[in-house]
Structures are given as C-alpha cells and as structure tokens.
C-alpha cells in the first residue's frame, strides 16, 4: 500500500474518532482539486461545482462518526460528490441531465519550439474534442481512470457500474482516441 493511502486512512480515522479538524484539513487539501475537476465534468459551471464540492466536504464532516465503517474513502468521497452533482442537475433540469464540460488539457508540455507547440495544441484540441464526443459513461470512465488515476474498481464504484463494463468503456474510449491520433499522423 502506498504512503498517500496510508495517510488518508489515518486522517479519516482521526476525523472519525477524535473529531480532528487538522486531519479534515489534510483530507480537504488532498481531495479538493480532484473533486472540483470531477464535479465540473457533471455540472459544467465552476462556481456551482465549488459549492457542490464544499457541500460534499460538509457532508463528510457532519457524518464523520460513520467514517469508521468506510473501507475505501476515495470511492466514498467521489460518490458523495457524484450524488450531490446529480441532485443539483435534477433540481435544475429535471427533464434533461447532460454533461457539457470545458475542454481539459490532459497533457503537460515540455520544452518545444513554437511550431511544435502549435501542432501539439492542435492535437490536444482534437483529442479533447474526441473525448467530449464520447458517450457520457464512456467519457466519465476514461477521465476517472486516466486523469484522476483511479483504479478500475474505484471508478466502477463511483459510476455505479461493474468493473467489466468500465473496462469496456475504457477500451471504447482508447480505440476512438487511437483513431484520432492515427488520423492526425497521416
């Protein structure tokens, strides 16, 4: 097990048993940006996403006594954020719940020439456009596994699907994106 996971378990236990605000702040610092990106995928509005993430942390704090029973806090916090996002969308658009997100640059550039940078940005824009055209569950599965670095089992729990279904979504996304890359390189 890695150190980060061990620390999270210690912090969660400290919150549950000792009502530790210091451990809660560490959990908040560790998860805030990840949850904000995740919720923004659902909501599409950063300001609203920030409120939902804050509400998610508030829910964790308010139910801290029950955290002792949580075996996978990572899946738990993402599930809380997901349900709050879906509830928000249902309240705003009861007939239509759709993902409309900003393009997220997934790649970190190294030292390049201006020409390479322009070509690289064009490629990233094409990849982001291809990712945005993926079906909803396929897109979310890809982003959770590839961008948020979740394990397949955790991502499947967050999305409420089986691990095999998640694997199928990832395979479909990779095949689609590989096609975009191969088309660009011709």
N, C-alpha and C. Protein backbone atom coordinates (compact mmCIF):
# COMPACT_ATOMS: atom_id res chain seq x y z
N UNK A 1 0.85 -1.19 0.00
CA UNK A 1 0.00 0.00 0.00
C UNK A 1 0.89 1.24 0.00
N UNK A 2 0.46 2.28 -0.67
CA UNK A 2 1.31 3.46 -0.76
C UNK A 2 1.10 4.40 0.43
N UNK A 3 2.03 5.30 0.59
CA UNK A 3 2.03 6.21 1.74
C UNK A 3 0.81 7.12 1.75
N UNK A 4 0.43 7.62 0.57
CA UNK A 4 -0.72 8.52 0.49
C UNK A 4 -1.99 7.83 0.99
N UNK A 5 -2.21 6.60 0.56
CA UNK A 5 -3.38 5.85 1.00
C UNK A 5 -3.33 5.60 2.51
N UNK A 6 -2.16 5.27 3.00
CA UNK A 6 -2.00 5.07 4.45
C UNK A 6 -2.31 6.36 5.22
N UNK A 7 -1.81 7.49 4.71
CA UNK A 7 -2.09 8.77 5.37
C UNK A 7 -3.58 9.07 5.37
N UNK A 8 -4.23 8.83 4.25
CA UNK A 8 -5.67 9.10 4.16
C UNK A 8 -6.42 8.25 5.17
N UNK A 9 -6.06 6.99 5.29
CA UNK A 9 -6.72 6.12 6.28
C UNK A 9 -6.52 6.66 7.70
N UNK A 10 -5.31 7.12 8.00
CA UNK A 10 -5.03 7.67 9.33
C UNK A 10 -5.85 8.94 9.56
N UNK A 11 -5.90 9.80 8.54
CA UNK A 11 -6.64 11.05 8.69
C UNK A 11 -8.13 10.79 8.87
N UNK A 12 -8.67 9.87 8.07
CA UNK A 12 -10.10 9.54 8.18
C UNK A 12 -10.40 8.98 9.57
N UNK A 13 -9.56 8.10 10.05
CA UNK A 13 -9.75 7.53 11.38
C UNK A 13 -9.68 8.63 12.45
N UNK A 14 -8.73 9.54 12.30
CA UNK A 14 -8.57 10.64 13.25
C UNK A 14 -9.80 11.55 13.25
N UNK A 15 -10.37 11.78 12.08
CA UNK A 15 -11.59 12.58 11.98
C UNK A 15 -12.74 11.86 12.68
N UNK A 16 -12.89 10.57 12.40
CA UNK A 16 -14.00 9.79 12.95
C UNK A 16 -13.91 9.63 14.47
N UNK A 17 -12.72 9.40 14.96
CA UNK A 17 -12.55 9.10 16.38
C UNK A 17 -12.32 10.35 17.22
N UNK A 18 -11.51 11.27 16.71
CA UNK A 18 -11.09 12.42 17.52
C UNK A 18 -11.68 13.76 17.07
N UNK A 19 -12.55 13.73 16.07
CA UNK A 19 -13.11 14.97 15.51
C UNK A 19 -11.99 15.94 15.13
N UNK A 20 -10.93 15.42 14.55
CA UNK A 20 -9.74 16.20 14.25
C UNK A 20 -9.95 17.14 13.07
N UNK A 21 -9.94 18.42 13.34
CA UNK A 21 -10.06 19.43 12.29
C UNK A 21 -8.77 19.46 11.46
N UNK A 22 -7.65 19.20 12.08
CA UNK A 22 -6.37 19.18 11.35
C UNK A 22 -6.37 18.07 10.29
N UNK A 23 -6.81 16.89 10.65
CA UNK A 23 -6.89 15.79 9.68
C UNK A 23 -7.92 16.09 8.59
N UNK A 24 -9.01 16.74 8.97
CA UNK A 24 -10.02 17.12 7.99
C UNK A 24 -9.43 18.10 6.97
N UNK A 25 -8.64 19.04 7.44
CA UNK A 25 -7.99 20.00 6.54
C UNK A 25 -7.04 19.28 5.58
N UNK A 26 -6.35 18.25 6.06
CA UNK A 26 -5.44 17.48 5.20
C UNK A 26 -6.22 16.70 4.14
N UNK A 27 -7.35 16.13 4.54
CA UNK A 27 -8.22 15.43 3.58
C UNK A 27 -8.72 16.43 2.55
N UNK A 28 -9.17 17.57 3.02
CA UNK A 28 -9.67 18.62 2.12
C UNK A 28 -8.59 19.03 1.12
N UNK A 29 -7.38 19.26 1.60
CA UNK A 29 -6.28 19.68 0.73
C UNK A 29 -5.95 18.58 -0.30
N UNK A 30 -6.06 17.34 0.11
CA UNK A 30 -5.74 16.22 -0.78
C UNK A 30 -6.79 16.01 -1.86
N UNK A 31 -8.05 16.26 -1.55
CA UNK A 31 -9.13 15.92 -2.48
C UNK A 31 -9.80 17.11 -3.18
N UNK A 32 -9.62 18.31 -2.70
CA UNK A 32 -10.40 19.43 -3.21
C UNK A 32 -10.31 19.59 -4.73
N UNK A 33 -9.11 19.72 -5.27
CA UNK A 33 -8.96 19.96 -6.71
C UNK A 33 -9.43 18.76 -7.54
N UNK A 34 -9.18 17.56 -7.06
CA UNK A 34 -9.62 16.37 -7.78
C UNK A 34 -11.16 16.35 -7.86
N UNK A 35 -11.80 16.63 -6.73
CA UNK A 35 -13.27 16.64 -6.71
C UNK A 35 -13.82 17.78 -7.55
N UNK A 36 -13.15 18.91 -7.53
CA UNK A 36 -13.62 20.05 -8.32
C UNK A 36 -13.61 19.71 -9.81
N UNK A 37 -12.53 19.08 -10.29
CA UNK A 37 -12.49 18.66 -11.70
C UNK A 37 -13.59 17.65 -11.99
N UNK A 38 -13.78 16.71 -11.09
CA UNK A 38 -14.78 15.67 -11.26
C UNK A 38 -16.19 16.27 -11.32
N UNK A 39 -16.51 17.13 -10.38
CA UNK A 39 -17.85 17.73 -10.33
C UNK A 39 -18.07 18.66 -11.52
N UNK A 40 -17.02 19.36 -11.95
CA UNK A 40 -17.15 20.23 -13.11
C UNK A 40 -17.50 19.43 -14.36
N UNK A 41 -17.06 18.17 -14.43
CA UNK A 41 -17.44 17.31 -15.56
C UNK A 41 -18.96 17.13 -15.59
N UNK A 42 -19.57 17.02 -14.44
CA UNK A 42 -21.02 16.87 -14.37
C UNK A 42 -21.75 18.19 -14.59
N UNK A 43 -21.30 19.22 -13.92
CA UNK A 43 -22.05 20.47 -13.82
C UNK A 43 -21.72 21.43 -14.95
N UNK A 44 -20.45 21.58 -15.28
CA UNK A 44 -20.04 22.48 -16.34
C UNK A 44 -19.84 23.91 -15.88
N UNK A 45 -20.21 24.22 -14.66
CA UNK A 45 -20.04 25.58 -14.10
C UNK A 45 -19.13 25.49 -12.88
N UNK A 46 -18.01 26.17 -12.95
CA UNK A 46 -17.02 26.06 -11.89
C UNK A 46 -17.55 26.59 -10.56
N UNK A 47 -18.26 27.70 -10.57
CA UNK A 47 -18.77 28.28 -9.31
C UNK A 47 -19.72 27.30 -8.62
N UNK A 48 -20.63 26.72 -9.38
CA UNK A 48 -21.57 25.76 -8.82
C UNK A 48 -20.82 24.51 -8.36
N UNK A 49 -19.85 24.09 -9.15
CA UNK A 49 -19.05 22.91 -8.79
C UNK A 49 -18.32 23.14 -7.46
N UNK A 50 -17.81 24.35 -7.26
CA UNK A 50 -17.14 24.67 -6.00
C UNK A 50 -18.10 24.53 -4.82
N UNK A 51 -19.33 25.00 -5.00
CA UNK A 51 -20.34 24.87 -3.93
C UNK A 51 -20.65 23.41 -3.64
N UNK A 52 -20.77 22.62 -4.69
CA UNK A 52 -21.09 21.19 -4.51
C UNK A 52 -19.95 20.48 -3.80
N UNK A 53 -18.71 20.80 -4.17
CA UNK A 53 -17.55 20.19 -3.50
C UNK A 53 -17.54 20.59 -2.03
N UNK A 54 -17.81 21.86 -1.75
CA UNK A 54 -17.86 22.31 -0.35
C UNK A 54 -18.97 21.58 0.40
N UNK A 55 -20.12 21.41 -0.23
CA UNK A 55 -21.22 20.66 0.40
C UNK A 55 -20.82 19.21 0.64
N UNK A 56 -20.04 18.66 -0.28
CA UNK A 56 -19.59 17.27 -0.12
C UNK A 56 -18.71 17.14 1.11
N UNK A 57 -17.79 18.08 1.28
CA UNK A 57 -16.92 18.05 2.46
C UNK A 57 -17.72 18.29 3.74
N UNK A 58 -18.71 19.16 3.67
CA UNK A 58 -19.57 19.40 4.83
C UNK A 58 -20.30 18.11 5.21
N UNK A 59 -20.79 17.38 4.22
CA UNK A 59 -21.47 16.11 4.50
C UNK A 59 -20.53 15.11 5.15
N UNK A 60 -19.29 15.07 4.67
CA UNK A 60 -18.30 14.17 5.28
C UNK A 60 -18.08 14.55 6.73
N UNK A 61 -17.94 15.85 7.00
CA UNK A 61 -17.72 16.29 8.38
C UNK A 61 -18.92 15.97 9.26
N UNK A 62 -20.11 16.24 8.75
CA UNK A 62 -21.32 16.00 9.54
C UNK A 62 -21.55 14.52 9.83
N UNK A 63 -21.08 13.66 8.95
CA UNK A 63 -21.26 12.22 9.17
C UNK A 63 -19.94 11.55 9.56
N UNK A 64 -19.06 12.32 10.17
CA UNK A 64 -17.72 11.82 10.50
C UNK A 64 -17.73 10.61 11.43
N UNK A 65 -18.73 10.51 12.27
CA UNK A 65 -18.79 9.37 13.19
C UNK A 65 -18.92 8.04 12.44
N UNK A 66 -19.54 8.09 11.26
CA UNK A 66 -19.74 6.85 10.48
C UNK A 66 -18.54 6.52 9.60
N UNK A 67 -17.53 7.38 9.57
CA UNK A 67 -16.37 7.14 8.72
C UNK A 67 -15.58 5.90 9.14
N UNK A 68 -15.73 5.48 10.38
CA UNK A 68 -15.00 4.29 10.85
C UNK A 68 -15.37 3.06 10.02
N UNK A 69 -16.59 3.04 9.50
CA UNK A 69 -17.06 1.89 8.73
C UNK A 69 -16.66 1.95 7.26
N UNK A 70 -16.12 3.06 6.80
CA UNK A 70 -15.75 3.23 5.39
C UNK A 70 -14.41 2.55 5.14
N UNK A 71 -14.39 1.61 4.20
CA UNK A 71 -13.15 0.90 3.89
C UNK A 71 -12.39 1.55 2.73
N UNK A 72 -13.10 2.27 1.86
CA UNK A 72 -12.45 2.93 0.73
C UNK A 72 -12.93 4.38 0.68
N UNK A 73 -12.19 5.25 1.35
CA UNK A 73 -12.59 6.65 1.44
C UNK A 73 -12.59 7.32 0.08
N UNK A 74 -11.66 6.96 -0.78
CA UNK A 74 -11.57 7.55 -2.11
C UNK A 74 -12.90 7.36 -2.86
N UNK A 75 -13.39 6.15 -2.90
CA UNK A 75 -14.67 5.89 -3.57
C UNK A 75 -15.81 6.60 -2.85
N UNK A 76 -15.74 6.62 -1.54
CA UNK A 76 -16.79 7.26 -0.74
C UNK A 76 -16.92 8.74 -1.06
N UNK A 77 -15.79 9.48 -1.07
CA UNK A 77 -15.86 10.93 -1.28
C UNK A 77 -16.29 11.25 -2.71
N UNK A 78 -15.86 10.45 -3.67
CA UNK A 78 -16.31 10.66 -5.05
C UNK A 78 -17.80 10.36 -5.19
N UNK A 79 -18.27 9.34 -4.51
CA UNK A 79 -19.70 9.01 -4.56
C UNK A 79 -20.54 10.13 -3.95
N UNK A 80 -20.08 10.69 -2.84
CA UNK A 80 -20.80 11.81 -2.22
C UNK A 80 -20.90 12.97 -3.21
N UNK A 81 -19.78 13.31 -3.84
CA UNK A 81 -19.76 14.41 -4.81
C UNK A 81 -20.63 14.10 -6.02
N UNK A 82 -20.60 12.87 -6.47
CA UNK A 82 -21.41 12.49 -7.63
C UNK A 82 -22.90 12.63 -7.31
N UNK A 83 -23.32 12.13 -6.18
CA UNK A 83 -24.75 12.20 -5.83
C UNK A 83 -25.20 13.65 -5.62
N UNK A 84 -24.35 14.46 -5.05
CA UNK A 84 -24.71 15.88 -4.88
C UNK A 84 -24.80 16.56 -6.25
N UNK A 85 -23.93 16.20 -7.17
CA UNK A 85 -23.97 16.76 -8.53
C UNK A 85 -25.24 16.35 -9.26
N UNK A 86 -25.56 15.08 -9.19
CA UNK A 86 -26.77 14.58 -9.85
C UNK A 86 -28.01 15.22 -9.24
N UNK A 87 -28.03 15.36 -7.93
CA UNK A 87 -29.17 16.02 -7.28
C UNK A 87 -29.32 17.45 -7.75
N UNK A 88 -28.21 18.15 -7.86
CA UNK A 88 -28.25 19.53 -8.35
C UNK A 88 -28.80 19.56 -9.77
N UNK A 89 -28.30 18.71 -10.64
CA UNK A 89 -28.76 18.70 -12.03
C UNK A 89 -30.24 18.35 -12.13
N UNK A 90 -30.67 17.42 -11.32
CA UNK A 90 -32.10 17.06 -11.34
C UNK A 90 -32.97 18.20 -10.87
N UNK A 91 -32.47 18.98 -9.91
CA UNK A 91 -33.27 20.11 -9.42
C UNK A 91 -33.34 21.23 -10.45
N UNK A 92 -32.27 21.40 -11.23
CA UNK A 92 -32.23 22.46 -12.23
C UNK A 92 -32.86 22.05 -13.56
N UNK A 93 -32.63 20.81 -13.94
CA UNK A 93 -33.10 20.31 -15.23
C UNK A 93 -33.73 18.93 -15.05
N UNK A 94 -34.92 18.87 -14.49
CA UNK A 94 -35.48 17.56 -14.20
C UNK A 94 -35.70 16.70 -15.45
N UNK A 95 -35.86 17.32 -16.61
CA UNK A 95 -36.11 16.55 -17.82
C UNK A 95 -34.83 16.13 -18.52
N UNK A 96 -33.76 16.90 -18.32
CA UNK A 96 -32.54 16.67 -19.09
C UNK A 96 -31.32 16.77 -18.19
N UNK A 97 -30.61 15.68 -18.06
CA UNK A 97 -29.35 15.68 -17.32
C UNK A 97 -28.27 15.31 -18.33
N UNK A 98 -27.42 16.29 -18.67
CA UNK A 98 -26.44 16.12 -19.73
C UNK A 98 -25.11 16.68 -19.28
N UNK A 99 -24.04 16.09 -19.76
CA UNK A 99 -22.71 16.60 -19.46
C UNK A 99 -22.31 17.60 -20.53
N UNK A 100 -21.86 18.76 -20.10
CA UNK A 100 -21.32 19.76 -21.00
C UNK A 100 -20.14 20.38 -20.31
N UNK A 101 -18.94 19.93 -20.65
CA UNK A 101 -17.76 20.37 -19.91
C UNK A 101 -16.81 21.18 -20.75
N UNK A 102 -15.96 21.92 -20.05
CA UNK A 102 -14.90 22.64 -20.73
C UNK A 102 -13.83 21.63 -21.15
N UNK A 103 -13.13 21.93 -22.20
CA UNK A 103 -12.02 21.06 -22.61
C UNK A 103 -10.95 21.09 -21.53
N UNK A 104 -10.45 19.94 -21.21
CA UNK A 104 -9.41 19.85 -20.20
C UNK A 104 -8.13 19.42 -20.88
N UNK A 105 -7.11 20.22 -20.75
CA UNK A 105 -5.82 19.88 -21.34
C UNK A 105 -5.18 18.80 -20.49
N UNK A 106 -5.06 17.60 -21.04
CA UNK A 106 -4.57 16.47 -20.27
C UNK A 106 -3.06 16.31 -20.35
N UNK A 107 -2.44 17.10 -21.15
CA UNK A 107 -1.03 16.86 -21.42
C UNK A 107 -0.16 17.98 -20.88
N UNK A 108 1.00 17.62 -20.39
CA UNK A 108 1.95 18.60 -19.91
C UNK A 108 3.03 18.73 -20.98
N UNK A 109 3.27 19.96 -21.40
CA UNK A 109 4.25 20.18 -22.46
C UNK A 109 5.64 20.34 -21.88
N UNK A 110 6.60 19.83 -22.63
CA UNK A 110 8.00 20.02 -22.26
C UNK A 110 8.55 21.14 -23.13
N UNK A 111 9.86 21.33 -23.12
CA UNK A 111 10.47 22.37 -23.94
C UNK A 111 10.24 22.05 -25.41
N UNK A 112 9.59 22.95 -26.11
CA UNK A 112 9.29 22.74 -27.51
C UNK A 112 9.51 24.03 -28.28
N UNK A 113 9.56 23.89 -29.59
CA UNK A 113 9.64 25.07 -30.44
C UNK A 113 8.23 25.61 -30.61
N UNK A 114 8.08 26.87 -31.06
CA UNK A 114 6.74 27.41 -31.29
C UNK A 114 5.92 26.57 -32.28
N UNK A 115 6.59 26.04 -33.31
CA UNK A 115 5.88 25.21 -34.29
C UNK A 115 5.36 23.92 -33.64
N UNK A 116 6.23 23.29 -32.85
CA UNK A 116 5.83 22.07 -32.16
C UNK A 116 4.69 22.35 -31.18
N UNK A 117 4.77 23.49 -30.51
CA UNK A 117 3.74 23.88 -29.55
C UNK A 117 2.39 24.04 -30.26
N UNK A 118 2.39 24.69 -31.42
CA UNK A 118 1.17 24.89 -32.18
C UNK A 118 0.60 23.55 -32.63
N UNK A 119 1.44 22.69 -33.16
CA UNK A 119 0.99 21.37 -33.61
C UNK A 119 0.47 20.58 -32.41
N UNK A 120 1.18 20.66 -31.30
CA UNK A 120 0.77 19.95 -30.10
C UNK A 120 -0.59 20.46 -29.60
N UNK A 121 -0.78 21.78 -29.59
CA UNK A 121 -2.05 22.35 -29.14
C UNK A 121 -3.19 21.91 -30.06
N UNK A 122 -2.93 21.86 -31.36
CA UNK A 122 -3.95 21.39 -32.30
C UNK A 122 -4.31 19.95 -32.00
N UNK A 123 -3.29 19.13 -31.73
CA UNK A 123 -3.54 17.72 -31.40
C UNK A 123 -4.34 17.57 -30.12
N UNK A 124 -4.00 18.36 -29.11
CA UNK A 124 -4.72 18.31 -27.84
C UNK A 124 -6.17 18.74 -28.03
N UNK A 125 -6.37 19.80 -28.82
CA UNK A 125 -7.75 20.24 -29.09
C UNK A 125 -8.55 19.14 -29.79
N UNK A 126 -7.93 18.46 -30.73
CA UNK A 126 -8.62 17.36 -31.43
C UNK A 126 -8.92 16.21 -30.47
N UNK A 127 -7.94 15.89 -29.61
CA UNK A 127 -8.17 14.82 -28.63
C UNK A 127 -9.28 15.20 -27.65
N UNK A 128 -9.25 16.45 -27.16
CA UNK A 128 -10.29 16.89 -26.23
C UNK A 128 -11.65 16.86 -26.91
N UNK A 129 -11.70 17.27 -28.18
CA UNK A 129 -12.97 17.22 -28.91
C UNK A 129 -13.44 15.78 -29.04
N UNK A 130 -12.51 14.86 -29.32
CA UNK A 130 -12.88 13.44 -29.42
C UNK A 130 -13.36 12.90 -28.08
N UNK A 131 -12.70 13.30 -27.00
CA UNK A 131 -13.12 12.86 -25.66
C UNK A 131 -14.52 13.38 -25.37
N UNK A 132 -14.79 14.63 -25.72
CA UNK A 132 -16.10 15.22 -25.46
C UNK A 132 -17.22 14.59 -26.28
N UNK A 133 -16.86 13.95 -27.39
CA UNK A 133 -17.87 13.28 -28.23
C UNK A 133 -18.18 11.86 -27.75
N UNK A 134 -17.37 11.36 -26.82
CA UNK A 134 -17.63 10.01 -26.29
C UNK A 134 -18.97 9.99 -25.56
N UNK A 135 -19.62 8.83 -25.52
CA UNK A 135 -20.84 8.72 -24.72
C UNK A 135 -20.55 9.06 -23.25
N UNK A 136 -21.57 9.53 -22.54
CA UNK A 136 -21.42 10.04 -21.17
C UNK A 136 -20.63 9.11 -20.25
N UNK A 137 -21.07 7.88 -20.10
CA UNK A 137 -20.40 6.94 -19.17
C UNK A 137 -18.99 6.62 -19.65
N UNK A 138 -18.82 6.51 -20.95
CA UNK A 138 -17.51 6.22 -21.53
C UNK A 138 -16.55 7.37 -21.22
N UNK A 139 -17.01 8.59 -21.39
CA UNK A 139 -16.20 9.78 -21.13
C UNK A 139 -15.83 9.85 -19.65
N UNK A 140 -16.80 9.66 -18.77
CA UNK A 140 -16.52 9.72 -17.33
C UNK A 140 -15.55 8.61 -16.91
N UNK A 141 -15.77 7.42 -17.44
CA UNK A 141 -14.88 6.30 -17.11
C UNK A 141 -13.45 6.63 -17.52
N UNK A 142 -13.29 7.14 -18.72
CA UNK A 142 -11.96 7.49 -19.22
C UNK A 142 -11.30 8.56 -18.34
N UNK A 143 -12.04 9.59 -18.00
CA UNK A 143 -11.48 10.68 -17.21
C UNK A 143 -11.11 10.23 -15.80
N UNK A 144 -11.95 9.40 -15.19
CA UNK A 144 -11.64 8.93 -13.83
C UNK A 144 -10.38 8.08 -13.81
N UNK A 145 -10.26 7.20 -14.80
CA UNK A 145 -9.11 6.29 -14.82
C UNK A 145 -7.85 6.98 -15.31
N UNK A 146 -7.96 7.75 -16.38
CA UNK A 146 -6.76 8.34 -16.99
C UNK A 146 -6.35 9.66 -16.36
N UNK A 147 -7.29 10.50 -15.98
CA UNK A 147 -6.93 11.80 -15.43
C UNK A 147 -6.87 11.78 -13.91
N UNK A 148 -7.83 11.14 -13.29
CA UNK A 148 -7.87 11.11 -11.83
C UNK A 148 -7.05 9.96 -11.25
N UNK A 149 -6.55 9.11 -12.13
CA UNK A 149 -5.68 7.98 -11.74
C UNK A 149 -6.37 7.01 -10.78
N UNK A 150 -7.68 6.86 -10.93
CA UNK A 150 -8.40 5.90 -10.10
C UNK A 150 -8.16 4.49 -10.61
N UNK A 151 -8.22 3.56 -9.70
CA UNK A 151 -8.18 2.15 -10.10
C UNK A 151 -9.53 1.80 -10.72
N UNK A 152 -9.54 0.78 -11.57
CA UNK A 152 -10.76 0.40 -12.26
C UNK A 152 -11.89 0.10 -11.26
N UNK A 153 -11.56 -0.59 -10.19
CA UNK A 153 -12.58 -0.95 -9.21
C UNK A 153 -13.20 0.29 -8.58
N UNK A 154 -12.36 1.27 -8.21
CA UNK A 154 -12.86 2.51 -7.61
C UNK A 154 -13.73 3.30 -8.58
N UNK A 155 -13.25 3.42 -9.81
CA UNK A 155 -14.01 4.17 -10.82
C UNK A 155 -15.35 3.49 -11.08
N UNK A 156 -15.36 2.18 -11.12
CA UNK A 156 -16.61 1.44 -11.33
C UNK A 156 -17.59 1.70 -10.18
N UNK A 157 -17.08 1.74 -8.96
CA UNK A 157 -17.94 2.03 -7.80
C UNK A 157 -18.51 3.43 -7.88
N UNK A 158 -17.67 4.40 -8.25
CA UNK A 158 -18.13 5.79 -8.36
C UNK A 158 -19.23 5.92 -9.40
N UNK A 159 -19.06 5.23 -10.54
CA UNK A 159 -20.02 5.33 -11.62
C UNK A 159 -21.22 4.39 -11.44
N UNK A 160 -21.13 3.49 -10.48
CA UNK A 160 -22.24 2.57 -10.24
C UNK A 160 -22.38 1.53 -11.32
N UNK A 161 -21.24 1.08 -11.88
CA UNK A 161 -21.26 0.05 -12.91
C UNK A 161 -20.29 -1.05 -12.52
N UNK A 162 -20.35 -2.17 -13.24
CA UNK A 162 -19.43 -3.27 -12.94
C UNK A 162 -18.04 -2.93 -13.49
N UNK A 163 -17.05 -3.62 -12.97
CA UNK A 163 -15.69 -3.38 -13.42
C UNK A 163 -15.55 -3.79 -14.89
N UNK A 164 -16.21 -4.84 -15.31
CA UNK A 164 -16.17 -5.28 -16.71
C UNK A 164 -16.77 -4.22 -17.63
N UNK A 165 -17.86 -3.60 -17.20
CA UNK A 165 -18.48 -2.55 -18.00
C UNK A 165 -17.54 -1.36 -18.10
N UNK A 166 -16.89 -1.02 -17.00
CA UNK A 166 -15.92 0.07 -17.01
C UNK A 166 -14.79 -0.25 -17.99
N UNK A 167 -14.29 -1.47 -17.95
CA UNK A 167 -13.22 -1.87 -18.87
C UNK A 167 -13.67 -1.73 -20.32
N UNK A 168 -14.92 -2.06 -20.60
CA UNK A 168 -15.45 -1.92 -21.96
C UNK A 168 -15.50 -0.45 -22.36
N UNK A 169 -15.91 0.42 -21.43
CA UNK A 169 -15.94 1.86 -21.71
C UNK A 169 -14.53 2.39 -21.99
N UNK A 170 -13.56 1.97 -21.20
CA UNK A 170 -12.18 2.43 -21.39
C UNK A 170 -11.65 1.94 -22.73
N UNK A 171 -11.92 0.68 -23.05
CA UNK A 171 -11.46 0.13 -24.34
C UNK A 171 -12.06 0.91 -25.51
N UNK A 172 -13.34 1.24 -25.41
CA UNK A 172 -14.00 2.00 -26.47
C UNK A 172 -13.37 3.39 -26.60
N UNK A 173 -13.12 4.03 -25.46
CA UNK A 173 -12.52 5.37 -25.47
C UNK A 173 -11.12 5.32 -26.08
N UNK A 174 -10.33 4.38 -25.68
CA UNK A 174 -8.96 4.26 -26.18
C UNK A 174 -8.97 3.99 -27.69
N UNK A 175 -9.86 3.12 -28.14
CA UNK A 175 -9.96 2.81 -29.57
C UNK A 175 -10.34 4.07 -30.36
N UNK A 176 -11.30 4.83 -29.85
CA UNK A 176 -11.73 6.06 -30.52
C UNK A 176 -10.59 7.07 -30.57
N UNK A 177 -9.91 7.27 -29.45
CA UNK A 177 -8.82 8.25 -29.38
C UNK A 177 -7.62 7.81 -30.21
N UNK A 178 -7.36 6.51 -30.24
CA UNK A 178 -6.27 5.99 -31.08
C UNK A 178 -6.56 6.30 -32.55
N UNK A 179 -7.84 6.17 -32.95
CA UNK A 179 -8.23 6.50 -34.31
C UNK A 179 -7.98 7.98 -34.63
N UNK A 180 -8.24 8.85 -33.67
CA UNK A 180 -7.99 10.29 -33.87
C UNK A 180 -6.50 10.55 -34.02
N UNK A 181 -5.70 9.91 -33.19
CA UNK A 181 -4.24 10.09 -33.25
C UNK A 181 -3.69 9.56 -34.57
N UNK A 182 -4.12 8.38 -34.97
CA UNK A 182 -3.63 7.79 -36.22
C UNK A 182 -4.03 8.63 -37.43
N UNK A 183 -5.23 9.20 -37.41
CA UNK A 183 -5.70 10.04 -38.50
C UNK A 183 -4.83 11.31 -38.58
N UNK A 184 -4.46 11.85 -37.41
CA UNK A 184 -3.63 13.06 -37.38
C UNK A 184 -2.22 12.80 -37.90
N UNK A 185 -1.69 11.61 -37.65
CA UNK A 185 -0.31 11.36 -38.02
C UNK A 185 -0.16 11.00 -39.50
N UNK A 186 -1.23 10.84 -40.21
CA UNK A 186 -1.15 10.53 -41.65
C UNK A 186 -0.81 11.72 -42.48
